[in-house]
Amino acid sequence: QEKWREFKRLIVVEGVTDVWRLGPSSAATLGIEFKMEQVMRLSQAHEQFVILFDEEPQAQKQANILAVKLKTLGKQVTVKKIEGDPGGMNQADADLLVEELQGG
């Protein structure tokens, strides 16, 4: 968890393949369903979040629920929607996306 502090924001994604693609500034909920324990652990890990779930309506609904829970805990949260799956991006595009999400 400490390694995430070096980044401006923690990028929260659905799956481990998304983390592999986006790199060390990301963390996975391991699906769109999440437990309150995961929300609490995320809230302890960082102050600012970008939630980047897949574009399907159900995934976006869950991303917004996660955002509300983190905001309730006093965190700064943005939900970002992209076409497709972050894990399926080519590495160059993924690197550019991470730079954009980190505010660079």
PDB file of N, CA and C in Angstrom:
ATOM      1  N   GLN A   1       0.814  -1.208   0.000  1.00  0.00           N
ATOM      2  CA  GLN A   1       0.000   0.000   0.000  1.00  0.00           C
ATOM      3  C   GLN A   1       0.851   1.262   0.000  1.00  0.00           C
ATOM      4  N   GLU A   2       1.993   1.237   0.670  1.00  0.00           N
ATOM      5  CA  GLU A   2       2.828   2.441   0.744  1.00  0.00           C
ATOM      6  C   GLU A   2       3.302   2.888  -0.634  1.00  0.00           C
ATOM      7  N   LYS A   3       3.543   1.939  -1.545  1.00  0.00           N
ATOM      8  CA  LYS A   3       4.045   2.307  -2.873  1.00  0.00           C
ATOM      9  C   LYS A   3       3.069   3.216  -3.615  1.00  0.00           C
ATOM     10  N   TRP A   4       1.765   3.081  -3.308  1.00  0.00           N
ATOM     11  CA  TRP A   4       0.771   3.903  -4.007  1.00  0.00           C
ATOM     12  C   TRP A   4       0.878   5.363  -3.624  1.00  0.00           C
ATOM     13  N   ARG A   5       1.436   5.671  -2.457  1.00  0.00           N
ATOM     14  CA  ARG A   5       1.522   7.056  -1.983  1.00  0.00           C
ATOM     15  C   ARG A   5       2.390   7.926  -2.880  1.00  0.00           C
ATOM     16  N   GLU A   6       3.307   7.314  -3.624  1.00  0.00           N
ATOM     17  CA  GLU A   6       4.183   8.099  -4.497  1.00  0.00           C
ATOM     18  C   GLU A   6       3.435   8.647  -5.721  1.00  0.00           C
ATOM     19  N   PHE A   7       2.244   8.116  -5.970  1.00  0.00           N
ATOM     20  CA  PHE A   7       1.445   8.570  -7.112  1.00  0.00           C
ATOM     21  C   PHE A   7       0.385   9.556  -6.653  1.00  0.00           C
ATOM     22  N   LYS A   8       0.041  10.493  -7.539  1.00  0.00           N
ATOM     23  CA  LYS A   8      -0.963  11.496  -7.199  1.00  0.00           C
ATOM     24  C   LYS A   8      -2.314  10.856  -6.903  1.00  0.00           C
ATOM     25  N   ARG A   9      -2.675   9.857  -7.712  1.00  0.00           N
ATOM     26  CA  ARG A   9      -3.971   9.192  -7.563  1.00  0.00           C
ATOM     27  C   ARG A   9      -3.783   7.683  -7.645  1.00  0.00           C
ATOM     28  N   LEU A  10      -4.667   6.955  -6.989  1.00  0.00           N
ATOM     29  CA  LEU A  10      -4.713   5.504  -7.123  1.00  0.00           C
ATOM     30  C   LEU A  10      -5.803   5.178  -8.137  1.00  0.00           C
ATOM     31  N   ILE A  11      -5.445   4.434  -9.170  1.00  0.00           N
ATOM     32  CA  ILE A  11      -6.387   4.054 -10.220  1.00  0.00           C
ATOM     33  C   ILE A  11      -6.993   2.709  -9.835  1.00  0.00           C
ATOM     34  N   VAL A  12      -8.305   2.682  -9.628  1.00  0.00           N
ATOM     35  CA  VAL A  12      -8.986   1.458  -9.200  1.00  0.00           C
ATOM     36  C   VAL A  12      -9.659   0.833 -10.415  1.00  0.00           C
ATOM     37  N   VAL A  13      -9.275  -0.407 -10.704  1.00  0.00           N
ATOM     38  CA  VAL A  13      -9.782  -1.136 -11.870  1.00  0.00           C
ATOM     39  C   VAL A  13     -10.448  -2.427 -11.408  1.00  0.00           C
ATOM     40  N   GLU A  14     -11.039  -3.143 -12.353  1.00  0.00           N
ATOM     41  CA  GLU A  14     -11.758  -4.372 -12.006  1.00  0.00           C
ATOM     42  C   GLU A  14     -10.836  -5.565 -11.784  1.00  0.00           C
ATOM     43  N   GLY A  15      -9.918  -5.791 -12.700  1.00  0.00           N
ATOM     44  CA  GLY A  15      -9.192  -7.051 -12.681  1.00  0.00           C
ATOM     45  C   GLY A  15      -7.686  -6.934 -12.684  1.00  0.00           C
ATOM     46  N   VAL A  16      -7.064  -8.057 -12.404  1.00  0.00           N
ATOM     47  CA  VAL A  16      -5.612  -8.099 -12.314  1.00  0.00           C
ATOM     48  C   VAL A  16      -4.951  -7.819 -13.665  1.00  0.00           C
ATOM     49  N   THR A  17      -5.589  -8.215 -14.769  1.00  0.00           N
ATOM     50  CA  THR A  17      -4.990  -7.923 -16.081  1.00  0.00           C
ATOM     51  C   THR A  17      -4.969  -6.414 -16.344  1.00  0.00           C
ATOM     52  N   ASP A  18      -5.945  -5.691 -15.790  1.00  0.00           N
ATOM     53  CA  ASP A  18      -5.947  -4.234 -15.908  1.00  0.00           C
ATOM     54  C   ASP A  18      -4.759  -3.644 -15.132  1.00  0.00           C
ATOM     55  N   VAL A  19      -4.490  -4.193 -13.957  1.00  0.00           N
ATOM     56  CA  VAL A  19      -3.335  -3.740 -13.160  1.00  0.00           C
ATOM     57  C   VAL A  19      -2.042  -4.031 -13.900  1.00  0.00           C
ATOM     58  N   TRP A  20      -1.951  -5.222 -14.481  1.00  0.00           N
ATOM     59  CA  TRP A  20      -0.739  -5.553 -15.228  1.00  0.00           C
ATOM     60  C   TRP A  20      -0.505  -4.544 -16.338  1.00  0.00           C
ATOM     61  N   ARG A  21      -1.576  -4.101 -17.006  1.00  0.00           N
ATOM     62  CA  ARG A  21      -1.435  -3.171 -18.127  1.00  0.00           C
ATOM     63  C   ARG A  21      -1.149  -1.749 -17.650  1.00  0.00           C
ATOM     64  N   LEU A  22      -1.842  -1.313 -16.589  1.00  0.00           N
ATOM     65  CA  LEU A  22      -1.724   0.084 -16.156  1.00  0.00           C
ATOM     66  C   LEU A  22      -0.561   0.326 -15.205  1.00  0.00           C
ATOM     67  N   GLY A  23      -0.106  -0.697 -14.542  1.00  0.00           N
ATOM     68  CA  GLY A  23       1.101  -0.563 -13.740  1.00  0.00           C
ATOM     69  C   GLY A  23       0.884  -0.282 -12.263  1.00  0.00           C
ATOM     70  N   PRO A  24       1.953   0.147 -11.587  1.00  0.00           N
ATOM     71  CA  PRO A  24       1.978   0.204 -10.117  1.00  0.00           C
ATOM     72  C   PRO A  24       1.098   1.264  -9.473  1.00  0.00           C
ATOM     73  N   SER A  25       0.522   2.166 -10.256  1.00  0.00           N
ATOM     74  CA  SER A  25      -0.376   3.162  -9.656  1.00  0.00           C
ATOM     75  C   SER A  25      -1.822   2.684  -9.653  1.00  0.00           C
ATOM     76  N   SER A  26      -2.032   1.387  -9.939  1.00  0.00           N
ATOM     77  CA  SER A  26      -3.392   0.859 -10.001  1.00  0.00           C
ATOM     78  C   SER A  26      -3.589  -0.295  -9.020  1.00  0.00           C
ATOM     79  N   ALA A  27      -4.859  -0.518  -8.679  1.00  0.00           N
ATOM     80  CA  ALA A  27      -5.261  -1.610  -7.791  1.00  0.00           C
ATOM     81  C   ALA A  27      -6.578  -2.169  -8.297  1.00  0.00           C
ATOM     82  N   ALA A  28      -6.785  -3.471  -8.105  1.00  0.00           N
ATOM     83  CA  ALA A  28      -7.992  -4.127  -8.615  1.00  0.00           C
ATOM     84  C   ALA A  28      -8.946  -4.513  -7.487  1.00  0.00           C
ATOM     85  N   THR A  29     -10.243  -4.386  -7.777  1.00  0.00           N
ATOM     86  CA  THR A  29     -11.269  -4.872  -6.856  1.00  0.00           C
ATOM     87  C   THR A  29     -11.591  -6.345  -7.120  1.00  0.00           C
ATOM     88  N   LEU A  30     -11.026  -6.910  -8.188  1.00  0.00           N
ATOM     89  CA  LEU A  30     -11.252  -8.307  -8.593  1.00  0.00           C
ATOM     90  C   LEU A  30     -12.719  -8.554  -8.933  1.00  0.00           C
ATOM     91  N   GLY A  31     -13.214  -7.723  -9.837  1.00  0.00           N
ATOM     92  CA  GLY A  31     -14.602  -7.801 -10.290  1.00  0.00           C
ATOM     93  C   GLY A  31     -15.346  -6.530  -9.932  1.00  0.00           C
ATOM     94  N   ILE A  32     -16.563  -6.386 -10.474  1.00  0.00           N
ATOM     95  CA  ILE A  32     -17.306  -5.160 -10.187  1.00  0.00           C
ATOM     96  C   ILE A  32     -17.988  -5.197  -8.830  1.00  0.00           C
ATOM     97  N   GLU A  33     -18.128  -6.385  -8.274  1.00  0.00           N
ATOM     98  CA  GLU A  33     -18.678  -6.492  -6.926  1.00  0.00           C
ATOM     99  C   GLU A  33     -17.532  -6.297  -5.939  1.00  0.00           C
ATOM    100  N   PHE A  34     -17.785  -5.569  -4.879  1.00  0.00           N
ATOM    101  CA  PHE A  34     -16.733  -5.337  -3.886  1.00  0.00           C
ATOM    102  C   PHE A  34     -17.355  -5.360  -2.502  1.00  0.00           C
ATOM    103  N   LYS A  35     -16.526  -5.585  -1.516  1.00  0.00           N
ATOM    104  CA  LYS A  35     -16.977  -5.643  -0.131  1.00  0.00           C
ATOM    105  C   LYS A  35     -16.579  -4.359   0.585  1.00  0.00           C
ATOM    106  N   MET A  36     -17.261  -4.041   1.659  1.00  0.00           N
ATOM    107  CA  MET A  36     -16.941  -2.841   2.425  1.00  0.00           C
ATOM    108  C   MET A  36     -15.507  -2.899   2.952  1.00  0.00           C
ATOM    109  N   GLU A  37     -15.013  -4.087   3.233  1.00  0.00           N
ATOM    110  CA  GLU A  37     -13.623  -4.221   3.682  1.00  0.00           C
ATOM    111  C   GLU A  37     -12.661  -3.700   2.611  1.00  0.00           C
ATOM    112  N   GLN A  38     -12.971  -3.970   1.331  1.00  0.00           N
ATOM    113  CA  GLN A  38     -12.129  -3.457   0.247  1.00  0.00           C
ATOM    114  C   GLN A  38     -12.188  -1.929   0.201  1.00  0.00           C
ATOM    115  N   VAL A  39     -13.369  -1.375   0.387  1.00  0.00           N
ATOM    116  CA  VAL A  39     -13.519   0.087   0.407  1.00  0.00           C
ATOM    117  C   VAL A  39     -12.667   0.679   1.528  1.00  0.00           C
ATOM    118  N   MET A  40     -12.709   0.063   2.699  1.00  0.00           N
ATOM    119  CA  MET A  40     -11.939   0.563   3.837  1.00  0.00           C
ATOM    120  C   MET A  40     -10.440   0.473   3.563  1.00  0.00           C
ATOM    121  N   ARG A  41     -10.001  -0.633   2.984  1.00  0.00           N
ATOM    122  CA  ARG A  41      -8.572  -0.783   2.667  1.00  0.00           C
ATOM    123  C   ARG A  41      -8.130   0.237   1.625  1.00  0.00           C
ATOM    124  N   LEU A  42      -8.953   0.455   0.624  1.00  0.00           N
ATOM    125  CA  LEU A  42      -8.628   1.483  -0.368  1.00  0.00           C
ATOM    126  C   LEU A  42      -8.527   2.849   0.299  1.00  0.00           C
ATOM    127  N   SER A  43      -9.469   3.139   1.187  1.00  0.00           N
ATOM    128  CA  SER A  43      -9.487   4.456   1.830  1.00  0.00           C
ATOM    129  C   SER A  43      -8.246   4.673   2.696  1.00  0.00           C
ATOM    130  N   GLN A  44      -7.670   3.586   3.189  1.00  0.00           N
ATOM    131  CA  GLN A  44      -6.443   3.687   3.980  1.00  0.00           C
ATOM    132  C   GLN A  44      -5.208   3.838   3.095  1.00  0.00           C
ATOM    133  N   ALA A  45      -5.332   3.442   1.833  1.00  0.00           N
ATOM    134  CA  ALA A  45      -4.184   3.411   0.931  1.00  0.00           C
ATOM    135  C   ALA A  45      -3.885   4.755   0.272  1.00  0.00           C
ATOM    136  N   HIS A  46      -4.906   5.608   0.121  1.00  0.00           N
ATOM    137  CA  HIS A  46      -4.694   6.851  -0.631  1.00  0.00           C
ATOM    138  C   HIS A  46      -5.781   7.860  -0.318  1.00  0.00           C
ATOM    139  N   GLU A  47      -5.580   9.096  -0.793  1.00  0.00           N
ATOM    140  CA  GLU A  47      -6.564  10.168  -0.610  1.00  0.00           C
ATOM    141  C   GLU A  47      -7.331  10.479  -1.892  1.00  0.00           C
ATOM    142  N   GLN A  48      -6.704  10.207  -3.056  1.00  0.00           N
ATOM    143  CA  GLN A  48      -7.322  10.533  -4.345  1.00  0.00           C
ATOM    144  C   GLN A  48      -7.424   9.281  -5.205  1.00  0.00           C
ATOM    145  N   PHE A  49      -8.571   9.130  -5.863  1.00  0.00           N
ATOM    146  CA  PHE A  49      -8.841   7.933  -6.647  1.00  0.00           C
ATOM    147  C   PHE A  49      -9.427   8.277  -8.003  1.00  0.00           C
ATOM    148  N   VAL A  50      -9.093   7.447  -8.987  1.00  0.00           N
ATOM    149  CA  VAL A  50      -9.798   7.416 -10.269  1.00  0.00           C
ATOM    150  C   VAL A  50     -10.316   5.991 -10.410  1.00  0.00           C
ATOM    151  N   ILE A  51     -11.616   5.848 -10.560  1.00  0.00           N
ATOM    152  CA  ILE A  51     -12.205   4.523 -10.745  1.00  0.00           C
ATOM    153  C   ILE A  51     -12.397   4.309 -12.242  1.00  0.00           C
ATOM    154  N   LEU A  52     -11.787   3.253 -12.750  1.00  0.00           N
ATOM    155  CA  LEU A  52     -11.768   2.974 -14.180  1.00  0.00           C
ATOM    156  C   LEU A  52     -12.268   1.544 -14.412  1.00  0.00           C
ATOM    157  N   PHE A  53     -13.598   1.385 -14.319  1.00  0.00           N
ATOM    158  CA  PHE A  53     -14.211   0.087 -14.585  1.00  0.00           C
ATOM    159  C   PHE A  53     -14.573   0.013 -16.069  1.00  0.00           C
ATOM    160  N   ASP A  54     -14.911  -1.175 -16.540  1.00  0.00           N
ATOM    161  CA  ASP A  54     -15.284  -1.356 -17.942  1.00  0.00           C
ATOM    162  C   ASP A  54     -16.526  -0.523 -18.275  1.00  0.00           C
ATOM    163  N   GLU A  55     -16.795  -0.384 -19.562  1.00  0.00           N
ATOM    164  CA  GLU A  55     -17.840   0.541 -20.010  1.00  0.00           C
ATOM    165  C   GLU A  55     -19.264   0.000 -19.895  1.00  0.00           C
ATOM    166  N   GLU A  56     -19.441  -1.302 -19.582  1.00  0.00           N
ATOM    167  CA  GLU A  56     -20.788  -1.857 -19.472  1.00  0.00           C
ATOM    168  C   GLU A  56     -21.586  -1.108 -18.409  1.00  0.00           C
ATOM    169  N   PRO A  57     -22.907  -0.939 -18.628  1.00  0.00           N
ATOM    170  CA  PRO A  57     -23.735  -0.185 -17.671  1.00  0.00           C
ATOM    171  C   PRO A  57     -23.642  -0.700 -16.228  1.00  0.00           C
ATOM    172  N   GLN A  58     -23.633  -2.020 -16.031  1.00  0.00           N
ATOM    173  CA  GLN A  58     -23.568  -2.556 -14.673  1.00  0.00           C
ATOM    174  C   GLN A  58     -22.227  -2.222 -14.015  1.00  0.00           C
ATOM    175  N   ALA A  59     -21.152  -2.284 -14.784  1.00  0.00           N
ATOM    176  CA  ALA A  59     -19.828  -1.935 -14.251  1.00  0.00           C
ATOM    177  C   ALA A  59     -19.780  -0.454 -13.881  1.00  0.00           C
ATOM    178  N   GLN A  60     -20.367   0.395 -14.732  1.00  0.00           N
ATOM    179  CA  GLN A  60     -20.383   1.831 -14.444  1.00  0.00           C
ATOM    180  C   GLN A  60     -21.228   2.141 -13.201  1.00  0.00           C
ATOM    181  N   LYS A  61     -22.333   1.413 -13.044  1.00  0.00           N
ATOM    182  CA  LYS A  61     -23.174   1.587 -11.853  1.00  0.00           C
ATOM    183  C   LYS A  61     -22.371   1.259 -10.597  1.00  0.00           C
ATOM    184  N   GLN A  62     -21.649   0.135 -10.630  1.00  0.00           N
ATOM    185  CA  GLN A  62     -20.832  -0.261  -9.483  1.00  0.00           C
ATOM    186  C   GLN A  62     -19.688   0.735  -9.242  1.00  0.00           C
ATOM    187  N   ALA A  63     -19.107   1.260 -10.315  1.00  0.00           N
ATOM    188  CA  ALA A  63     -18.042   2.266 -10.172  1.00  0.00           C
ATOM    189  C   ALA A  63     -18.573   3.487  -9.427  1.00  0.00           C
ATOM    190  N   ASN A  64     -19.790   3.893  -9.754  1.00  0.00           N
ATOM    191  CA  ASN A  64     -20.385   5.056  -9.092  1.00  0.00           C
ATOM    192  C   ASN A  64     -20.716   4.767  -7.629  1.00  0.00           C
ATOM    193  N   ILE A  65     -21.147   3.547  -7.332  1.00  0.00           N
ATOM    194  CA  ILE A  65     -21.408   3.169  -5.938  1.00  0.00           C
ATOM    195  C   ILE A  65     -20.100   3.194  -5.141  1.00  0.00           C
ATOM    196  N   LEU A  66     -19.041   2.655  -5.728  1.00  0.00           N
ATOM    197  CA  LEU A  66     -17.733   2.680  -5.065  1.00  0.00           C
ATOM    198  C   LEU A  66     -17.274   4.115  -4.833  1.00  0.00           C
ATOM    199  N   ALA A  67     -17.496   4.974  -5.826  1.00  0.00           N
ATOM    200  CA  ALA A  67     -17.114   6.384  -5.689  1.00  0.00           C
ATOM    201  C   ALA A  67     -17.836   7.040  -4.523  1.00  0.00           C
ATOM    202  N   VAL A  68     -19.129   6.797  -4.404  1.00  0.00           N
ATOM    203  CA  VAL A  68     -19.915   7.384  -3.306  1.00  0.00           C
ATOM    204  C   VAL A  68     -19.384   6.910  -1.953  1.00  0.00           C
ATOM    205  N   LYS A  69     -19.077   5.623  -1.865  1.00  0.00           N
ATOM    206  CA  LYS A  69     -18.565   5.081  -0.594  1.00  0.00           C
ATOM    207  C   LYS A  69     -17.229   5.723  -0.222  1.00  0.00           C
ATOM    208  N   LEU A  70     -16.346   5.883  -1.194  1.00  0.00           N
ATOM    209  CA  LEU A  70     -15.046   6.509  -0.917  1.00  0.00           C
ATOM    210  C   LEU A  70     -15.205   7.998  -0.590  1.00  0.00           C
ATOM    211  N   LYS A  71     -16.093   8.676  -1.297  1.00  0.00           N
ATOM    212  CA  LYS A  71     -16.344  10.102  -1.012  1.00  0.00           C
ATOM    213  C   LYS A  71     -16.903  10.281   0.395  1.00  0.00           C
ATOM    214  N   THR A  72     -17.765   9.346   0.827  1.00  0.00           N
ATOM    215  CA  THR A  72     -18.324   9.396   2.173  1.00  0.00           C
ATOM    216  C   THR A  72     -17.215   9.324   3.218  1.00  0.00           C
ATOM    217  N   LEU A  73     -16.115   8.660   2.861  1.00  0.00           N
ATOM    218  CA  LEU A  73     -14.972   8.545   3.761  1.00  0.00           C
ATOM    219  C   LEU A  73     -13.991   9.711   3.592  1.00  0.00           C
ATOM    220  N   GLY A  74     -14.427  10.746   2.866  1.00  0.00           N
ATOM    221  CA  GLY A  74     -13.627  11.965   2.740  1.00  0.00           C
ATOM    222  C   GLY A  74     -12.591  11.947   1.635  1.00  0.00           C
ATOM    223  N   LYS A  75     -12.708  11.046   0.690  1.00  0.00           N
ATOM    224  CA  LYS A  75     -11.719  10.923  -0.381  1.00  0.00           C
ATOM    225  C   LYS A  75     -12.149  11.701  -1.615  1.00  0.00           C
ATOM    226  N   GLN A  76     -11.160  12.085  -2.427  1.00  0.00           N
ATOM    227  CA  GLN A  76     -11.431  12.726  -3.713  1.00  0.00           C
ATOM    228  C   GLN A  76     -11.505  11.612  -4.760  1.00  0.00           C
ATOM    229  N   VAL A  77     -12.637  11.545  -5.470  1.00  0.00           N
ATOM    230  CA  VAL A  77     -12.859  10.424  -6.387  1.00  0.00           C
ATOM    231  C   VAL A  77     -13.423  10.925  -7.714  1.00  0.00           C
ATOM    232  N   THR A  78     -12.878  10.385  -8.799  1.00  0.00           N
ATOM    233  CA  THR A  78     -13.385  10.619 -10.144  1.00  0.00           C
ATOM    234  C   THR A  78     -13.672   9.265 -10.763  1.00  0.00           C
ATOM    235  N   VAL A  79     -14.803   9.152 -11.467  1.00  0.00           N
ATOM    236  CA  VAL A  79     -15.089   7.947 -12.241  1.00  0.00           C
ATOM    237  C   VAL A  79     -14.791   8.284 -13.692  1.00  0.00           C
ATOM    238  N   LYS A  80     -13.925   7.495 -14.299  1.00  0.00           N
ATOM    239  CA  LYS A  80     -13.528   7.706 -15.692  1.00  0.00           C
ATOM    240  C   LYS A  80     -14.032   6.531 -16.522  1.00  0.00           C
ATOM    241  N   LYS A  81     -14.571   6.827 -17.688  1.00  0.00           N
ATOM    242  CA  LYS A  81     -15.086   5.782 -18.582  1.00  0.00           C
ATOM    243  C   LYS A  81     -14.297   5.823 -19.883  1.00  0.00           C
ATOM    244  N   ILE A  82     -13.807   4.660 -20.291  1.00  0.00           N
ATOM    245  CA  ILE A  82     -13.122   4.565 -21.582  1.00  0.00           C
ATOM    246  C   ILE A  82     -13.790   3.470 -22.398  1.00  0.00           C
ATOM    247  N   GLU A  83     -13.536   3.459 -23.686  1.00  0.00           N
ATOM    248  CA  GLU A  83     -14.044   2.379 -24.529  1.00  0.00           C
ATOM    249  C   GLU A  83     -13.219   1.134 -24.286  1.00  0.00           C
ATOM    250  N   GLY A  84     -13.898  -0.001 -24.171  1.00  0.00           N
ATOM    251  CA  GLY A  84     -13.176  -1.259 -24.038  1.00  0.00           C
ATOM    252  C   GLY A  84     -12.678  -1.520 -22.630  1.00  0.00           C
ATOM    253  N   ASP A  85     -11.697  -2.405 -22.550  1.00  0.00           N
ATOM    254  CA  ASP A  85     -11.156  -2.894 -21.292  1.00  0.00           C
ATOM    255  C   ASP A  85      -9.720  -2.389 -21.136  1.00  0.00           C
ATOM    256  N   PRO A  86      -9.385  -1.771 -20.016  1.00  0.00           N
ATOM    257  CA  PRO A  86      -8.008  -1.288 -19.838  1.00  0.00           C
ATOM    258  C   PRO A  86      -6.958  -2.382 -20.050  1.00  0.00           C
ATOM    259  N   GLY A  87      -7.274  -3.616 -19.621  1.00  0.00           N
ATOM    260  CA  GLY A  87      -6.330  -4.713 -19.784  1.00  0.00           C
ATOM    261  C   GLY A  87      -6.076  -5.091 -21.233  1.00  0.00           C
ATOM    262  N   GLY A  88      -6.995  -4.705 -22.118  1.00  0.00           N
ATOM    263  CA  GLY A  88      -6.858  -5.027 -23.529  1.00  0.00           C
ATOM    264  C   GLY A  88      -6.179  -3.946 -24.353  1.00  0.00           C
ATOM    265  N   MET A  89      -5.794  -2.841 -23.709  1.00  0.00           N
ATOM    266  CA  MET A  89      -5.135  -1.750 -24.432  1.00  0.00           C
ATOM    267  C   MET A  89      -3.707  -2.145 -24.797  1.00  0.00           C
ATOM    268  N   ASN A  90      -3.178  -1.519 -25.860  1.00  0.00           N
ATOM    269  CA  ASN A  90      -1.751  -1.726 -26.093  1.00  0.00           C
ATOM    270  C   ASN A  90      -0.985  -0.890 -25.058  1.00  0.00           C
ATOM    271  N   GLN A  91       0.261  -1.251 -24.809  1.00  0.00           N
ATOM    272  CA  GLN A  91       1.005  -0.640 -23.707  1.00  0.00           C
ATOM    273  C   GLN A  91       1.213   0.861 -23.886  1.00  0.00           C
ATOM    274  N   ALA A  92       1.451   1.302 -25.104  1.00  0.00           N
ATOM    275  CA  ALA A  92       1.664   2.733 -25.343  1.00  0.00           C
ATOM    276  C   ALA A  92       0.418   3.540 -24.979  1.00  0.00           C
ATOM    277  N   ASP A  93      -0.749   3.053 -25.397  1.00  0.00           N
ATOM    278  CA  ASP A  93      -1.999   3.738 -25.054  1.00  0.00           C
ATOM    279  C   ASP A  93      -2.252   3.698 -23.549  1.00  0.00           C
ATOM    280  N   ALA A  94      -1.952   2.559 -22.930  1.00  0.00           N
ATOM    281  CA  ALA A  94      -2.137   2.434 -21.486  1.00  0.00           C
ATOM    282  C   ALA A  94      -1.238   3.423 -20.738  1.00  0.00           C
ATOM    283  N   ASP A  95       0.002   3.552 -21.187  1.00  0.00           N
ATOM    284  CA  ASP A  95       0.930   4.492 -20.542  1.00  0.00           C
ATOM    285  C   ASP A  95       0.430   5.927 -20.661  1.00  0.00           C
ATOM    286  N   LEU A  96      -0.095   6.276 -21.830  1.00  0.00           N
ATOM    287  CA  LEU A  96      -0.655   7.622 -22.021  1.00  0.00           C
ATOM    288  C   LEU A  96      -1.868   7.841 -21.124  1.00  0.00           C
ATOM    289  N   LEU A  97      -2.719   6.835 -21.003  1.00  0.00           N
ATOM    290  CA  LEU A  97      -3.905   6.934 -20.152  1.00  0.00           C
ATOM    291  C   LEU A  97      -3.496   7.149 -18.693  1.00  0.00           C
ATOM    292  N   VAL A  98      -2.537   6.382 -18.224  1.00  0.00           N
ATOM    293  CA  VAL A  98      -2.069   6.525 -16.838  1.00  0.00           C
ATOM    294  C   VAL A  98      -1.521   7.938 -16.607  1.00  0.00           C
ATOM    295  N   GLU A  99      -0.739   8.425 -17.559  1.00  0.00           N
ATOM    296  CA  GLU A  99      -0.190   9.786 -17.442  1.00  0.00           C
ATOM    297  C   GLU A  99      -1.319  10.804 -17.343  1.00  0.00           C
ATOM    298  N   GLU A 100      -2.345  10.642 -18.174  1.00  0.00           N
ATOM    299  CA  GLU A 100      -3.502  11.542 -18.148  1.00  0.00           C
ATOM    300  C   GLU A 100      -4.233  11.447 -16.801  1.00  0.00           C
ATOM    301  N   LEU A 101      -4.462  10.238 -16.320  1.00  0.00           N
ATOM    302  CA  LEU A 101      -5.199  10.038 -15.068  1.00  0.00           C
ATOM    303  C   LEU A 101      -4.411  10.533 -13.866  1.00  0.00           C
ATOM    304  N   GLN A 102      -3.100  10.546 -13.973  1.00  0.00           N
ATOM    305  CA  GLN A 102      -2.274  11.046 -12.878  1.00  0.00           C
ATOM    306  C   GLN A 102      -2.116  12.566 -12.950  1.00  0.00           C
ATOM    307  N   GLY A 103      -2.744  13.171 -13.950  1.00  0.00           N
ATOM    308  CA  GLY A 103      -2.720  14.630 -14.061  1.00  0.00           C
ATOM    309  C   GLY A 103      -1.521  15.170 -14.810  1.00  0.00           C
ATOM    310  N   GLY A 104      -0.859  14.321 -15.597  1.00  0.00           N
ATOM    311  CA  GLY A 104       0.346  14.738 -16.304  1.00  0.00           C
ATOM    312  C   GLY A 104       0.108  15.036 -17.699  1.00  0.00           C
TER     313      GLY A 104
END
